[in-house]
Amino acid sequence: MQPTFTGIPFFVYPVRDMARARAFYGGVLGLTEGHSWEDKWVEYDVGSSTLALSSIMQGAQPGAKAGAVALETEQFDETVAHLKAQGVKFPLEPIDSGVCKFARFEDPDGNHLVLHRKHAGPQR
């Protein structure tokens, strides 16, 4: 039997300091905190997905520059300006690919996130 997958329920980042991570994800990004467990695992609902933070992922190195979660926004330019005003680092400045706008930024642990805005119009 070939397995069937129906979605990606969450994406998780390892963090060193949960209080600092909560200040960034809840304060700077404005995400709403959902479930949490003993200040070791915190979830933020983003649309129909969940972005989780963990301070107990054995062997995981925060800021390892591997995967990245993309956050979709209707207010791309305004969000870039807001993040830069908060001192957020952008290793990849905003780019317009013709299909979308995107930029890569970092959380306080150096984990990569992508800000994304798909252009309206026909699919290519």
PDB file of N, CA and C in Angstrom:
ATOM      1  N   MET A   1       0.828  -1.185   0.000  1.00  0.00           N
ATOM      2  CA  MET A   1       0.000   0.000   0.000  1.00  0.00           C
ATOM      3  C   MET A   1       0.874   1.251   0.000  1.00  0.00           C
ATOM      4  N   GLN A   2       0.573   2.192  -0.860  1.00  0.00           N
ATOM      5  CA  GLN A   2       1.264   3.479  -0.904  1.00  0.00           C
ATOM      6  C   GLN A   2       0.569   4.414   0.088  1.00  0.00           C
ATOM      7  N   PRO A   3       1.336   5.047   1.000  1.00  0.00           N
ATOM      8  CA  PRO A   3       0.693   5.955   1.950  1.00  0.00           C
ATOM      9  C   PRO A   3       0.124   7.186   1.245  1.00  0.00           C
ATOM     10  N   THR A   4      -0.920   7.737   1.816  1.00  0.00           N
ATOM     11  CA  THR A   4      -1.541   8.959   1.316  1.00  0.00           C
ATOM     12  C   THR A   4      -1.426  10.022   2.392  1.00  0.00           C
ATOM     13  N   PHE A   5      -0.919  11.173   2.023  1.00  0.00           N
ATOM     14  CA  PHE A   5      -0.772  12.273   2.969  1.00  0.00           C
ATOM     15  C   PHE A   5      -1.778  13.356   2.624  1.00  0.00           C
ATOM     16  N   THR A   6      -2.360  13.945   3.641  1.00  0.00           N
ATOM     17  CA  THR A   6      -3.437  14.904   3.411  1.00  0.00           C
ATOM     18  C   THR A   6      -3.077  16.332   3.770  1.00  0.00           C
ATOM     19  N   GLY A   7      -1.886  16.570   4.299  1.00  0.00           N
ATOM     20  CA  GLY A   7      -1.505  17.930   4.641  1.00  0.00           C
ATOM     21  C   GLY A   7      -0.239  17.958   5.464  1.00  0.00           C
ATOM     22  N   ILE A   8       0.182  19.138   5.796  1.00  0.00           N
ATOM     23  CA  ILE A   8       1.327  19.349   6.675  1.00  0.00           C
ATOM     24  C   ILE A   8       0.781  20.052   7.914  1.00  0.00           C
ATOM     25  N   PRO A   9       0.581  19.315   9.026  1.00  0.00           N
ATOM     26  CA  PRO A   9      -0.080  19.895  10.185  1.00  0.00           C
ATOM     27  C   PRO A   9       0.731  20.970  10.903  1.00  0.00           C
ATOM     28  N   PHE A  10       2.070  20.864  10.852  1.00  0.00           N
ATOM     29  CA  PHE A  10       2.879  21.900  11.484  1.00  0.00           C
ATOM     30  C   PHE A  10       4.285  21.888  10.935  1.00  0.00           C
ATOM     31  N   PHE A  11       4.964  23.003  11.135  1.00  0.00           N
ATOM     32  CA  PHE A  11       6.377  23.164  10.853  1.00  0.00           C
ATOM     33  C   PHE A  11       6.979  23.612  12.169  1.00  0.00           C
ATOM     34  N   VAL A  12       8.128  23.071  12.567  1.00  0.00           N
ATOM     35  CA  VAL A  12       8.699  23.410  13.875  1.00  0.00           C
ATOM     36  C   VAL A  12      10.120  23.927  13.733  1.00  0.00           C
ATOM     37  N   TYR A  13      10.445  24.933  14.551  1.00  0.00           N
ATOM     38  CA  TYR A  13      11.794  25.468  14.647  1.00  0.00           C
ATOM     39  C   TYR A  13      12.317  25.245  16.058  1.00  0.00           C
ATOM     40  N   PRO A  14      13.587  24.851  16.184  1.00  0.00           N
ATOM     41  CA  PRO A  14      14.198  24.813  17.509  1.00  0.00           C
ATOM     42  C   PRO A  14      14.593  26.231  17.924  1.00  0.00           C
ATOM     43  N   VAL A  15      14.417  26.546  19.201  1.00  0.00           N
ATOM     44  CA  VAL A  15      14.807  27.856  19.727  1.00  0.00           C
ATOM     45  C   VAL A  15      15.586  27.675  21.024  1.00  0.00           C
ATOM     46  N   ARG A  16      16.453  28.643  21.325  1.00  0.00           N
ATOM     47  CA  ARG A  16      17.255  28.598  22.548  1.00  0.00           C
ATOM     48  C   ARG A  16      16.527  29.208  23.741  1.00  0.00           C
ATOM     49  N   ASP A  17      15.783  30.282  23.495  1.00  0.00           N
ATOM     50  CA  ASP A  17      15.171  31.066  24.559  1.00  0.00           C
ATOM     51  C   ASP A  17      13.697  31.273  24.198  1.00  0.00           C
ATOM     52  N   MET A  18      12.801  30.538  24.865  1.00  0.00           N
ATOM     53  CA  MET A  18      11.388  30.571  24.503  1.00  0.00           C
ATOM     54  C   MET A  18      10.769  31.949  24.739  1.00  0.00           C
ATOM     55  N   ALA A  19      11.155  32.648  25.799  1.00  0.00           N
ATOM     56  CA  ALA A  19      10.608  33.985  26.057  1.00  0.00           C
ATOM     57  C   ALA A  19      10.975  34.938  24.921  1.00  0.00           C
ATOM     58  N   ARG A  20      12.223  34.888  24.476  1.00  0.00           N
ATOM     59  CA  ARG A  20      12.665  35.735  23.370  1.00  0.00           C
ATOM     60  C   ARG A  20      11.942  35.346  22.083  1.00  0.00           C
ATOM     61  N   ALA A  21      11.768  34.045  21.845  1.00  0.00           N
ATOM     62  CA  ALA A  21      11.064  33.578  20.648  1.00  0.00           C
ATOM     63  C   ALA A  21       9.603  34.026  20.671  1.00  0.00           C
ATOM     64  N   ARG A  22       8.958  33.916  21.825  1.00  0.00           N
ATOM     65  CA  ARG A  22       7.558  34.358  21.939  1.00  0.00           C
ATOM     66  C   ARG A  22       7.443  35.863  21.683  1.00  0.00           C
ATOM     67  N   ALA A  23       8.395  36.634  22.161  1.00  0.00           N
ATOM     68  CA  ALA A  23       8.370  38.078  21.931  1.00  0.00           C
ATOM     69  C   ALA A  23       8.474  38.378  20.440  1.00  0.00           C
ATOM     70  N   PHE A  24       9.282  37.616  19.715  1.00  0.00           N
ATOM     71  CA  PHE A  24       9.440  37.826  18.277  1.00  0.00           C
ATOM     72  C   PHE A  24       8.200  37.369  17.504  1.00  0.00           C
ATOM     73  N   TYR A  25       7.792  36.112  17.685  1.00  0.00           N
ATOM     74  CA  TYR A  25       6.693  35.564  16.899  1.00  0.00           C
ATOM     75  C   TYR A  25       5.347  36.186  17.267  1.00  0.00           C
ATOM     76  N   GLY A  26       5.119  36.442  18.539  1.00  0.00           N
ATOM     77  CA  GLY A  26       3.866  37.059  18.965  1.00  0.00           C
ATOM     78  C   GLY A  26       3.892  38.569  18.865  1.00  0.00           C
ATOM     79  N   GLY A  27       5.009  39.183  19.265  1.00  0.00           N
ATOM     80  CA  GLY A  27       5.106  40.637  19.281  1.00  0.00           C
ATOM     81  C   GLY A  27       5.465  41.238  17.945  1.00  0.00           C
ATOM     82  N   VAL A  28       6.613  40.859  17.391  1.00  0.00           N
ATOM     83  CA  VAL A  28       7.087  41.445  16.132  1.00  0.00           C
ATOM     84  C   VAL A  28       6.244  40.972  14.944  1.00  0.00           C
ATOM     85  N   LEU A  29       6.010  39.652  14.837  1.00  0.00           N
ATOM     86  CA  LEU A  29       5.226  39.129  13.715  1.00  0.00           C
ATOM     87  C   LEU A  29       3.723  39.229  13.952  1.00  0.00           C
ATOM     88  N   GLY A  30       3.306  39.361  15.197  1.00  0.00           N
ATOM     89  CA  GLY A  30       1.891  39.503  15.501  1.00  0.00           C
ATOM     90  C   GLY A  30       1.085  38.220  15.367  1.00  0.00           C
ATOM     91  N   LEU A  31       1.747  37.058  15.447  1.00  0.00           N
ATOM     92  CA  LEU A  31       1.031  35.786  15.361  1.00  0.00           C
ATOM     93  C   LEU A  31       0.319  35.507  16.681  1.00  0.00           C
ATOM     94  N   THR A  32      -0.815  34.821  16.603  1.00  0.00           N
ATOM     95  CA  THR A  32      -1.604  34.484  17.786  1.00  0.00           C
ATOM     96  C   THR A  32      -1.183  33.126  18.305  1.00  0.00           C
ATOM     97  N   GLU A  33      -0.808  33.094  19.569  1.00  0.00           N
ATOM     98  CA  GLU A  33      -0.366  31.844  20.183  1.00  0.00           C
ATOM     99  C   GLU A  33      -1.555  30.923  20.411  1.00  0.00           C
ATOM    100  N   GLY A  34      -1.358  29.661  20.054  1.00  0.00           N
ATOM    101  CA  GLY A  34      -2.389  28.645  20.283  1.00  0.00           C
ATOM    102  C   GLY A  34      -1.996  27.799  21.472  1.00  0.00           C
ATOM    103  N   HIS A  35      -1.741  26.548  21.230  1.00  0.00           N
ATOM    104  CA  HIS A  35      -1.390  25.618  22.303  1.00  0.00           C
ATOM    105  C   HIS A  35       0.065  25.793  22.729  1.00  0.00           C
ATOM    106  N   SER A  36       0.319  25.478  23.987  1.00  0.00           N
ATOM    107  CA  SER A  36       1.701  25.449  24.475  1.00  0.00           C
ATOM    108  C   SER A  36       1.810  24.349  25.516  1.00  0.00           C
ATOM    109  N   TRP A  37       3.045  23.899  25.733  1.00  0.00           N
ATOM    110  CA  TRP A  37       3.286  22.844  26.700  1.00  0.00           C
ATOM    111  C   TRP A  37       4.516  23.205  27.519  1.00  0.00           C
ATOM    112  N   GLU A  38       4.297  23.511  28.786  1.00  0.00           N
ATOM    113  CA  GLU A  38       5.361  23.760  29.770  1.00  0.00           C
ATOM    114  C   GLU A  38       6.465  24.684  29.273  1.00  0.00           C
ATOM    115  N   ASP A  39       6.149  25.650  28.475  1.00  0.00           N
ATOM    116  CA  ASP A  39       7.130  26.595  27.943  1.00  0.00           C
ATOM    117  C   ASP A  39       8.264  25.895  27.184  1.00  0.00           C
ATOM    118  N   LYS A  40       7.960  24.679  26.680  1.00  0.00           N
ATOM    119  CA  LYS A  40       8.943  23.920  25.894  1.00  0.00           C
ATOM    120  C   LYS A  40       8.479  23.741  24.455  1.00  0.00           C
ATOM    121  N   TRP A  41       7.196  23.951  24.221  1.00  0.00           N
ATOM    122  CA  TRP A  41       6.599  23.799  22.894  1.00  0.00           C
ATOM    123  C   TRP A  41       5.479  24.823  22.788  1.00  0.00           C
ATOM    124  N   VAL A  42       5.537  25.677  21.781  1.00  0.00           N
ATOM    125  CA  VAL A  42       4.524  26.716  21.587  1.00  0.00           C
ATOM    126  C   VAL A  42       4.080  26.678  20.134  1.00  0.00           C
ATOM    127  N   GLU A  43       2.765  26.763  19.914  1.00  0.00           N
ATOM    128  CA  GLU A  43       2.216  26.729  18.562  1.00  0.00           C
ATOM    129  C   GLU A  43       1.533  28.047  18.228  1.00  0.00           C
ATOM    130  N   TYR A  44       1.695  28.458  16.973  1.00  0.00           N
ATOM    131  CA  TYR A  44       1.031  29.644  16.425  1.00  0.00           C
ATOM    132  C   TYR A  44       0.228  29.200  15.219  1.00  0.00           C
ATOM    133  N   ASP A  45      -1.068  29.537  15.193  1.00  0.00           N
ATOM    134  CA  ASP A  45      -1.911  29.208  14.054  1.00  0.00           C
ATOM    135  C   ASP A  45      -1.694  30.252  12.968  1.00  0.00           C
ATOM    136  N   VAL A  46      -1.388  29.778  11.761  1.00  0.00           N
ATOM    137  CA  VAL A  46      -1.179  30.644  10.607  1.00  0.00           C
ATOM    138  C   VAL A  46      -2.078  30.093   9.501  1.00  0.00           C
ATOM    139  N   GLY A  47      -3.244  30.715   9.333  1.00  0.00           N
ATOM    140  CA  GLY A  47      -4.211  30.171   8.390  1.00  0.00           C
ATOM    141  C   GLY A  47      -4.618  28.784   8.844  1.00  0.00           C
ATOM    142  N   SER A  48      -4.541  27.807   7.955  1.00  0.00           N
ATOM    143  CA  SER A  48      -4.911  26.439   8.307  1.00  0.00           C
ATOM    144  C   SER A  48      -3.701  25.616   8.744  1.00  0.00           C
ATOM    145  N   SER A  49      -2.545  26.257   8.900  1.00  0.00           N
ATOM    146  CA  SER A  49      -1.322  25.563   9.306  1.00  0.00           C
ATOM    147  C   SER A  49      -0.891  26.013  10.698  1.00  0.00           C
ATOM    148  N   THR A  50       0.114  25.344  11.216  1.00  0.00           N
ATOM    149  CA  THR A  50       0.657  25.672  12.528  1.00  0.00           C
ATOM    150  C   THR A  50       2.168  25.798  12.432  1.00  0.00           C
ATOM    151  N   LEU A  51       2.693  26.872  13.012  1.00  0.00           N
ATOM    152  CA  LEU A  51       4.128  27.075  13.157  1.00  0.00           C
ATOM    153  C   LEU A  51       4.439  26.831  14.627  1.00  0.00           C
ATOM    154  N   ALA A  52       5.284  25.857  14.910  1.00  0.00           N
ATOM    155  CA  ALA A  52       5.616  25.495  16.286  1.00  0.00           C
ATOM    156  C   ALA A  52       7.052  25.869  16.608  1.00  0.00           C
ATOM    157  N   LEU A  53       7.287  26.175  17.881  1.00  0.00           N
ATOM    158  CA  LEU A  53       8.628  26.448  18.391  1.00  0.00           C
ATOM    159  C   LEU A  53       8.902  25.455  19.502  1.00  0.00           C
ATOM    160  N   SER A  54      10.138  24.959  19.571  1.00  0.00           N
ATOM    161  CA  SER A  54      10.477  23.971  20.584  1.00  0.00           C
ATOM    162  C   SER A  54      11.846  24.259  21.188  1.00  0.00           C
ATOM    163  N   SER A  55      11.905  24.167  22.506  1.00  0.00           N
ATOM    164  CA  SER A  55      13.190  24.305  23.192  1.00  0.00           C
ATOM    165  C   SER A  55      13.723  22.933  23.631  1.00  0.00           C
ATOM    166  N   ILE A  56      13.080  21.855  23.183  1.00  0.00           N
ATOM    167  CA  ILE A  56      13.473  20.515  23.633  1.00  0.00           C
ATOM    168  C   ILE A  56      13.770  19.547  22.488  1.00  0.00           C
ATOM    169  N   MET A  57      14.078  20.047  21.303  1.00  0.00           N
ATOM    170  CA  MET A  57      14.372  19.170  20.173  1.00  0.00           C
ATOM    171  C   MET A  57      15.829  18.711  20.267  1.00  0.00           C
ATOM    172  N   GLN A  58      16.040  17.523  20.799  1.00  0.00           N
ATOM    173  CA  GLN A  58      17.388  17.008  20.985  1.00  0.00           C
ATOM    174  C   GLN A  58      18.102  16.875  19.646  1.00  0.00           C
ATOM    175  N   GLY A  59      19.311  17.382  19.602  1.00  0.00           N
ATOM    176  CA  GLY A  59      20.136  17.282  18.411  1.00  0.00           C
ATOM    177  C   GLY A  59      19.860  18.346  17.362  1.00  0.00           C
ATOM    178  N   ALA A  60      18.800  19.119  17.550  1.00  0.00           N
ATOM    179  CA  ALA A  60      18.487  20.179  16.580  1.00  0.00           C
ATOM    180  C   ALA A  60      19.251  21.439  16.964  1.00  0.00           C
ATOM    181  N   GLN A  61      19.789  22.112  15.976  1.00  0.00           N
ATOM    182  CA  GLN A  61      20.569  23.324  16.215  1.00  0.00           C
ATOM    183  C   GLN A  61      19.791  24.538  15.730  1.00  0.00           C
ATOM    184  N   PRO A  62      19.351  25.409  16.653  1.00  0.00           N
ATOM    185  CA  PRO A  62      18.658  26.619  16.219  1.00  0.00           C
ATOM    186  C   PRO A  62      19.538  27.431  15.263  1.00  0.00           C
ATOM    187  N   GLY A  63      18.902  27.996  14.244  1.00  0.00           N
ATOM    188  CA  GLY A  63      19.629  28.832  13.295  1.00  0.00           C
ATOM    189  C   GLY A  63      20.533  28.060  12.365  1.00  0.00           C
ATOM    190  N   ALA A  64      20.258  26.791  12.123  1.00  0.00           N
ATOM    191  CA  ALA A  64      21.135  25.949  11.310  1.00  0.00           C
ATOM    192  C   ALA A  64      21.090  26.294   9.822  1.00  0.00           C
ATOM    193  N   LYS A  65      20.222  27.203   9.415  1.00  0.00           N
ATOM    194  CA  LYS A  65      20.130  27.660   8.025  1.00  0.00           C
ATOM    195  C   LYS A  65      19.750  26.524   7.072  1.00  0.00           C
ATOM    196  N   ALA A  66      18.806  25.730   7.504  1.00  0.00           N
ATOM    197  CA  ALA A  66      18.358  24.624   6.656  1.00  0.00           C
ATOM    198  C   ALA A  66      17.015  24.988   6.021  1.00  0.00           C
ATOM    199  N   GLY A  67      15.929  24.419   6.518  1.00  0.00           N
ATOM    200  CA  GLY A  67      14.604  24.691   5.968  1.00  0.00           C
ATOM    201  C   GLY A  67      14.121  26.078   6.348  1.00  0.00           C
ATOM    202  N   ALA A  68      13.021  26.474   5.732  1.00  0.00           N
ATOM    203  CA  ALA A  68      12.409  27.765   6.049  1.00  0.00           C
ATOM    204  C   ALA A  68      10.906  27.641   5.880  1.00  0.00           C
ATOM    205  N   VAL A  69      10.179  28.309   6.744  1.00  0.00           N
ATOM    206  CA  VAL A  69       8.730  28.373   6.605  1.00  0.00           C
ATOM    207  C   VAL A  69       8.392  29.679   5.893  1.00  0.00           C
ATOM    208  N   ALA A  70       7.435  29.623   4.976  1.00  0.00           N
ATOM    209  CA  ALA A  70       7.009  30.819   4.251  1.00  0.00           C
ATOM    210  C   ALA A  70       5.700  31.320   4.842  1.00  0.00           C
ATOM    211  N   LEU A  71       5.632  32.617   5.083  1.00  0.00           N
ATOM    212  CA  LEU A  71       4.431  33.262   5.608  1.00  0.00           C
ATOM    213  C   LEU A  71       3.829  34.129   4.507  1.00  0.00           C
ATOM    214  N   GLU A  72       2.604  33.827   4.118  1.00  0.00           N
ATOM    215  CA  GLU A  72       1.898  34.571   3.069  1.00  0.00           C
ATOM    216  C   GLU A  72       1.281  35.836   3.664  1.00  0.00           C
ATOM    217  N   THR A  73       1.382  36.946   2.938  1.00  0.00           N
ATOM    218  CA  THR A  73       0.779  38.195   3.392  1.00  0.00           C
ATOM    219  C   THR A  73       0.241  38.982   2.211  1.00  0.00           C
ATOM    220  N   GLU A  74      -0.888  39.648   2.426  1.00  0.00           N
ATOM    221  CA  GLU A  74      -1.453  40.548   1.431  1.00  0.00           C
ATOM    222  C   GLU A  74      -0.711  41.886   1.452  1.00  0.00           C
ATOM    223  N   GLN A  75      -0.107  42.225   2.600  1.00  0.00           N
ATOM    224  CA  GLN A  75       0.576  43.513   2.785  1.00  0.00           C
ATOM    225  C   GLN A  75       2.090  43.319   2.761  1.00  0.00           C
ATOM    226  N   PHE A  76       2.608  42.849   1.648  1.00  0.00           N
ATOM    227  CA  PHE A  76       4.023  42.500   1.546  1.00  0.00           C
ATOM    228  C   PHE A  76       4.937  43.684   1.864  1.00  0.00           C
ATOM    229  N   ASP A  77       4.800  44.784   1.138  1.00  0.00           N
ATOM    230  CA  ASP A  77       5.705  45.922   1.310  1.00  0.00           C
ATOM    231  C   ASP A  77       5.594  46.520   2.718  1.00  0.00           C
ATOM    232  N   GLU A  78       4.368  46.619   3.226  1.00  0.00           N
ATOM    233  CA  GLU A  78       4.161  47.157   4.565  1.00  0.00           C
ATOM    234  C   GLU A  78       4.787  46.257   5.634  1.00  0.00           C
ATOM    235  N   THR A  79       4.697  44.938   5.420  1.00  0.00           N
ATOM    236  CA  THR A  79       5.270  43.994   6.383  1.00  0.00           C
ATOM    237  C   THR A  79       6.790  44.056   6.364  1.00  0.00           C
ATOM    238  N   VAL A  80       7.381  44.171   5.180  1.00  0.00           N
ATOM    239  CA  VAL A  80       8.842  44.335   5.087  1.00  0.00           C
ATOM    240  C   VAL A  80       9.260  45.581   5.868  1.00  0.00           C
ATOM    241  N   ALA A  81       8.567  46.686   5.661  1.00  0.00           N
ATOM    242  CA  ALA A  81       8.900  47.939   6.363  1.00  0.00           C
ATOM    243  C   ALA A  81       8.763  47.773   7.872  1.00  0.00           C
ATOM    244  N   HIS A  82       7.698  47.106   8.318  1.00  0.00           N
ATOM    245  CA  HIS A  82       7.487  46.875   9.751  1.00  0.00           C
ATOM    246  C   HIS A  82       8.625  46.039  10.346  1.00  0.00           C
ATOM    247  N   LEU A  83       8.974  44.951   9.686  1.00  0.00           N
ATOM    248  CA  LEU A  83      10.027  44.074  10.202  1.00  0.00           C
ATOM    249  C   LEU A  83      11.370  44.796  10.256  1.00  0.00           C
ATOM    250  N   LYS A  84      11.691  45.554   9.218  1.00  0.00           N
ATOM    251  CA  LYS A  84      12.953  46.297   9.214  1.00  0.00           C
ATOM    252  C   LYS A  84      12.974  47.340  10.325  1.00  0.00           C
ATOM    253  N   ALA A  85      11.834  47.979  10.600  1.00  0.00           N
ATOM    254  CA  ALA A  85      11.755  48.960  11.688  1.00  0.00           C
ATOM    255  C   ALA A  85      11.964  48.300  13.049  1.00  0.00           C
ATOM    256  N   GLN A  86      11.680  46.983  13.135  1.00  0.00           N
ATOM    257  CA  GLN A  86      11.881  46.222  14.366  1.00  0.00           C
ATOM    258  C   GLN A  86      13.303  45.654  14.462  1.00  0.00           C
ATOM    259  N   GLY A  87      14.141  45.943  13.457  1.00  0.00           N
ATOM    260  CA  GLY A  87      15.524  45.473  13.473  1.00  0.00           C
ATOM    261  C   GLY A  87      15.711  44.067  12.955  1.00  0.00           C
ATOM    262  N   VAL A  88      14.710  43.514  12.269  1.00  0.00           N
ATOM    263  CA  VAL A  88      14.797  42.152  11.738  1.00  0.00           C
ATOM    264  C   VAL A  88      15.779  42.133  10.562  1.00  0.00           C
ATOM    265  N   LYS A  89      16.639  41.113  10.548  1.00  0.00           N
ATOM    266  CA  LYS A  89      17.648  40.966   9.494  1.00  0.00           C
ATOM    267  C   LYS A  89      17.054  40.276   8.276  1.00  0.00           C
ATOM    268  N   PHE A  90      17.404  40.773   7.077  1.00  0.00           N
ATOM    269  CA  PHE A  90      16.966  40.214   5.801  1.00  0.00           C
ATOM    270  C   PHE A  90      18.190  39.753   5.009  1.00  0.00           C
ATOM    271  N   PRO A  91      18.583  38.454   5.128  1.00  0.00           N
ATOM    272  CA  PRO A  91      19.697  37.967   4.315  1.00  0.00           C
ATOM    273  C   PRO A  91      19.392  38.007   2.820  1.00  0.00           C
ATOM    274  N   LEU A  92      18.108  37.958   2.459  1.00  0.00           N
ATOM    275  CA  LEU A  92      17.702  38.063   1.062  1.00  0.00           C
ATOM    276  C   LEU A  92      16.644  39.157   0.987  1.00  0.00           C
ATOM    277  N   GLU A  93      17.037  40.281   0.409  1.00  0.00           N
ATOM    278  CA  GLU A  93      16.122  41.420   0.278  1.00  0.00           C
ATOM    279  C   GLU A  93      14.966  41.045  -0.655  1.00  0.00           C
ATOM    280  N   PRO A  94      13.847  41.785  -0.611  1.00  0.00           N
ATOM    281  CA  PRO A  94      12.689  41.465  -1.440  1.00  0.00           C
ATOM    282  C   PRO A  94      13.025  41.353  -2.933  1.00  0.00           C
ATOM    283  N   ILE A  95      12.428  40.342  -3.535  1.00  0.00           N
ATOM    284  CA  ILE A  95      12.584  40.051  -4.961  1.00  0.00           C
ATOM    285  C   ILE A  95      11.191  39.861  -5.559  1.00  0.00           C
ATOM    286  N   ASP A  96      11.007  40.332  -6.776  1.00  0.00           N
ATOM    287  CA  ASP A  96       9.775  40.076  -7.515  1.00  0.00           C
ATOM    288  C   ASP A  96      10.122  39.113  -8.636  1.00  0.00           C
ATOM    289  N   SER A  97       9.602  37.887  -8.549  1.00  0.00           N
ATOM    290  CA  SER A  97       9.923  36.850  -9.538  1.00  0.00           C
ATOM    291  C   SER A  97       9.035  36.917 -10.767  1.00  0.00           C
ATOM    292  N   GLY A  98       8.026  37.779 -10.736  1.00  0.00           N
ATOM    293  CA  GLY A  98       7.036  37.804 -11.798  1.00  0.00           C
ATOM    294  C   GLY A  98       5.803  36.993 -11.427  1.00  0.00           C
ATOM    295  N   VAL A  99       5.987  35.982 -10.597  1.00  0.00           N
ATOM    296  CA  VAL A  99       4.893  35.164 -10.087  1.00  0.00           C
ATOM    297  C   VAL A  99       4.540  35.588  -8.668  1.00  0.00           C
ATOM    298  N   CYS A 100       5.561  36.027  -7.931  1.00  0.00           N
ATOM    299  CA  CYS A 100       5.370  36.395  -6.532  1.00  0.00           C
ATOM    300  C   CYS A 100       6.457  37.378  -6.098  1.00  0.00           C
ATOM    301  N   LYS A 101       6.244  37.938  -4.919  1.00  0.00           N
ATOM    302  CA  LYS A 101       7.290  38.684  -4.224  1.00  0.00           C
ATOM    303  C   LYS A 101       7.697  37.834  -3.032  1.00  0.00           C
ATOM    304  N   PHE A 102       8.994  37.808  -2.731  1.00  0.00           N
ATOM    305  CA  PHE A 102       9.440  37.089  -1.544  1.00  0.00           C
ATOM    306  C   PHE A 102      10.716  37.712  -1.010  1.00  0.00           C
ATOM    307  N   ALA A 103      10.954  37.463   0.263  1.00  0.00           N
ATOM    308  CA  ALA A 103      12.173  37.907   0.930  1.00  0.00           C
ATOM    309  C   ALA A 103      12.443  36.938   2.072  1.00  0.00           C
ATOM    310  N   ARG A 104      13.705  36.703   2.360  1.00  0.00           N
ATOM    311  CA  ARG A 104      14.063  35.816   3.471  1.00  0.00           C
ATOM    312  C   ARG A 104      14.521  36.668   4.639  1.00  0.00           C
ATOM    313  N   PHE A 105      13.992  36.363   5.837  1.00  0.00           N
ATOM    314  CA  PHE A 105      14.410  37.070   7.042  1.00  0.00           C
ATOM    315  C   PHE A 105      14.696  36.063   8.141  1.00  0.00           C
ATOM    316  N   GLU A 106      15.201  36.550   9.275  1.00  0.00           N
ATOM    317  CA  GLU A 106      15.624  35.659  10.365  1.00  0.00           C
ATOM    318  C   GLU A 106      14.922  35.991  11.667  1.00  0.00           C
ATOM    319  N   ASP A 107      14.672  34.939  12.460  1.00  0.00           N
ATOM    320  CA  ASP A 107      14.185  35.148  13.820  1.00  0.00           C
ATOM    321  C   ASP A 107      15.404  35.390  14.726  1.00  0.00           C
ATOM    322  N   PRO A 108      15.210  35.652  16.017  1.00  0.00           N
ATOM    323  CA  PRO A 108      16.354  35.938  16.896  1.00  0.00           C
ATOM    324  C   PRO A 108      17.379  34.809  17.022  1.00  0.00           C
ATOM    325  N   ASP A 109      16.975  33.552  16.713  1.00  0.00           N
ATOM    326  CA  ASP A 109      17.913  32.433  16.759  1.00  0.00           C
ATOM    327  C   ASP A 109      18.623  32.209  15.437  1.00  0.00           C
ATOM    328  N   GLY A 110      18.282  33.003  14.411  1.00  0.00           N
ATOM    329  CA  GLY A 110      18.898  32.839  13.100  1.00  0.00           C
ATOM    330  C   GLY A 110      18.160  31.863  12.205  1.00  0.00           C
ATOM    331  N   ASN A 111      16.986  31.360  12.634  1.00  0.00           N
ATOM    332  CA  ASN A 111      16.178  30.499  11.772  1.00  0.00           C
ATOM    333  C   ASN A 111      15.633  31.335  10.625  1.00  0.00           C
ATOM    334  N   HIS A 112      15.630  30.776   9.435  1.00  0.00           N
ATOM    335  CA  HIS A 112      15.139  31.489   8.255  1.00  0.00           C
ATOM    336  C   HIS A 112      13.626  31.382   8.138  1.00  0.00           C
ATOM    337  N   LEU A 113      13.010  32.494   7.753  1.00  0.00           N
ATOM    338  CA  LEU A 113      11.599  32.544   7.389  1.00  0.00           C
ATOM    339  C   LEU A 113      11.530  33.260   6.050  1.00  0.00           C
ATOM    340  N   VAL A 114      10.462  33.006   5.302  1.00  0.00           N
ATOM    341  CA  VAL A 114      10.271  33.653   4.015  1.00  0.00           C
ATOM    342  C   VAL A 114       8.961  34.427   4.072  1.00  0.00           C
ATOM    343  N   LEU A 115       9.016  35.680   3.701  1.00  0.00           N
ATOM    344  CA  LEU A 115       7.815  36.485   3.533  1.00  0.00           C
ATOM    345  C   LEU A 115       7.408  36.330   2.077  1.00  0.00           C
ATOM    346  N   HIS A 116       6.125  36.064   1.815  1.00  0.00           N
ATOM    347  CA  HIS A 116       5.681  35.718   0.473  1.00  0.00           C
ATOM    348  C   HIS A 116       4.376  36.412   0.126  1.00  0.00           C
ATOM    349  N   ARG A 117       4.257  36.812  -1.122  1.00  0.00           N
ATOM    350  CA  ARG A 117       3.010  37.378  -1.639  1.00  0.00           C
ATOM    351  C   ARG A 117       2.870  36.952  -3.089  1.00  0.00           C
ATOM    352  N   LYS A 118       1.929  36.036  -3.349  1.00  0.00           N
ATOM    353  CA  LYS A 118       1.695  35.569  -4.714  1.00  0.00           C
ATOM    354  C   LYS A 118       0.912  36.633  -5.469  1.00  0.00           C
ATOM    355  N   HIS A 119       1.324  36.908  -6.719  1.00  0.00           N
ATOM    356  CA  HIS A 119       0.613  37.861  -7.555  1.00  0.00           C
ATOM    357  C   HIS A 119      -0.744  37.292  -7.966  1.00  0.00           C
ATOM    358  N   ALA A 120      -1.727  38.149  -8.053  1.00  0.00           N
ATOM    359  CA  ALA A 120      -3.039  37.733  -8.551  1.00  0.00           C
ATOM    360  C   ALA A 120      -2.934  37.513 -10.047  1.00  0.00           C
ATOM    361  N   GLY A 121      -3.783  36.673 -10.567  1.00  0.00           N
ATOM    362  CA  GLY A 121      -3.796  36.461 -12.011  1.00  0.00           C
ATOM    363  C   GLY A 121      -3.742  34.999 -12.372  1.00  0.00           C
ATOM    364  N   PRO A 122      -3.639  34.692 -13.652  1.00  0.00           N
ATOM    365  CA  PRO A 122      -3.633  33.303 -14.117  1.00  0.00           C
ATOM    366  C   PRO A 122      -2.405  32.544 -13.630  1.00  0.00           C
ATOM    367  N   GLN A 123      -2.583  31.262 -13.403  1.00  0.00           N
ATOM    368  CA  GLN A 123      -1.466  30.385 -13.007  1.00  0.00           C
ATOM    369  C   GLN A 123      -0.534  30.201 -14.184  1.00  0.00           C
ATOM    370  N   ARG A 124       0.747  30.103 -13.902  1.00  0.00           N
ATOM    371  CA  ARG A 124       1.744  29.892 -14.961  1.00  0.00           C
ATOM    372  C   ARG A 124       2.239  28.481 -14.934  1.00  0.00           C
TER     373      ARG A 124
END
